[in-house]
């Protein structure tokens, strides 16, 4: 296993190493988080734990990308 694969595997097993919200909370605040990002506010400071969750959760990361694209008027496909 190369070092990059090892780092990804360890990260997936050990988690983000910082506070993280859960999927339910993520979906509750995702629209506000995306809005904050797109208008230039510090979304990570306003919604602590969201970035760590998005890095570790493929489903929420995909939802985040889709919502950003929708708000910006860009297709995700």
Protein backbone atom coordinates (compact mmCIF):
# COMPACT_ATOMS: atom_id res chain seq x y z
CA UNK A 1 0.00 0.00 0.00
CA UNK A 2 1.43 3.35 -0.95
CA UNK A 3 1.69 6.14 1.67
CA UNK A 4 -1.28 8.10 0.27
CA UNK A 5 -3.56 5.05 0.39
CA UNK A 6 -2.38 4.31 3.91
CA UNK A 7 -3.10 7.88 5.02
CA UNK A 8 -6.61 7.74 3.52
CA UNK A 9 -7.32 4.38 5.14
CA UNK A 10 -6.12 5.55 8.56
CA UNK A 11 -8.14 8.74 8.25
CA UNK A 12 -11.28 6.77 7.40
CA UNK A 13 -10.73 4.44 10.37
CA UNK A 14 -9.73 7.05 12.94
CA UNK A 15 -12.08 9.86 11.97
CA UNK A 16 -11.33 13.53 11.57
CA UNK A 17 -9.55 14.13 14.88
CA UNK A 18 -11.72 17.17 15.51
CA UNK A 19 -15.35 17.79 16.52
CA UNK A 20 -17.79 16.57 13.92
CA UNK A 21 -21.55 16.86 13.53
CA UNK A 22 -23.72 13.90 12.52
CA UNK A 23 -25.68 13.33 9.32
CA UNK A 24 -28.99 14.50 10.82
CA UNK A 25 -27.55 17.83 11.94
CA UNK A 26 -25.69 18.14 8.64
CA UNK A 27 -28.92 17.89 6.67
CA UNK A 28 -30.64 20.31 9.05
CA UNK A 29 -28.09 23.08 8.44
CA UNK A 30 -26.68 22.24 5.00
CA UNK A 31 -28.68 24.91 3.18
CA UNK A 32 -27.45 27.62 5.57
CA UNK A 33 -23.88 26.31 5.35
CA UNK A 34 -23.88 26.43 1.54
CA UNK A 35 -25.42 29.90 1.54
CA UNK A 36 -22.73 31.09 3.97
CA UNK A 37 -20.00 29.60 1.76
CA UNK A 38 -21.32 31.18 -1.42
CA UNK A 39 -21.66 34.68 0.02
CA UNK A 40 -18.16 34.58 1.49
CA UNK A 41 -18.96 34.10 5.18
CA UNK A 42 -16.79 31.71 7.19
CA UNK A 43 -19.19 28.76 7.02
CA UNK A 44 -16.79 26.51 8.94
CA UNK A 45 -16.76 28.92 11.88
CA UNK A 46 -20.53 29.40 11.75
CA UNK A 47 -21.23 25.64 11.64
CA UNK A 48 -18.45 23.96 13.65
CA UNK A 49 -17.91 20.32 12.78
CA UNK A 50 -19.49 20.52 9.32
CA UNK A 51 -16.22 20.46 7.34
CA UNK A 52 -14.96 17.45 9.28
CA UNK A 53 -18.24 15.66 8.64
CA UNK A 54 -18.20 16.44 4.91
CA UNK A 55 -14.65 15.13 4.64
CA UNK A 56 -15.64 11.83 6.24
CA UNK A 57 -19.15 11.23 4.89
CA UNK A 58 -19.49 10.56 1.15
CA UNK A 59 -23.30 10.83 1.18
CA UNK A 60 -23.32 14.25 2.85
CA UNK A 61 -20.37 15.41 0.74
CA UNK A 62 -22.35 14.52 -2.40
CA UNK A 63 -25.43 16.33 -1.07
CA UNK A 64 -23.26 19.37 -0.31
CA UNK A 65 -21.81 19.39 -3.83
CA UNK A 66 -25.27 18.98 -5.38
CA UNK A 67 -26.75 21.80 -3.33
CA UNK A 68 -23.83 24.13 -4.14
CA UNK A 69 -24.26 23.35 -7.83
CA UNK A 70 -28.01 23.89 -7.67
CA UNK A 71 -27.64 27.23 -5.92
CA UNK A 72 -24.98 28.32 -8.40
CA UNK A 73 -27.13 27.11 -11.31
CA UNK A 74 -24.73 24.39 -12.44
CA UNK A 75 -25.67 20.80 -13.16
CA UNK A 76 -23.85 18.10 -11.15
CA UNK A 77 -24.09 15.54 -13.96
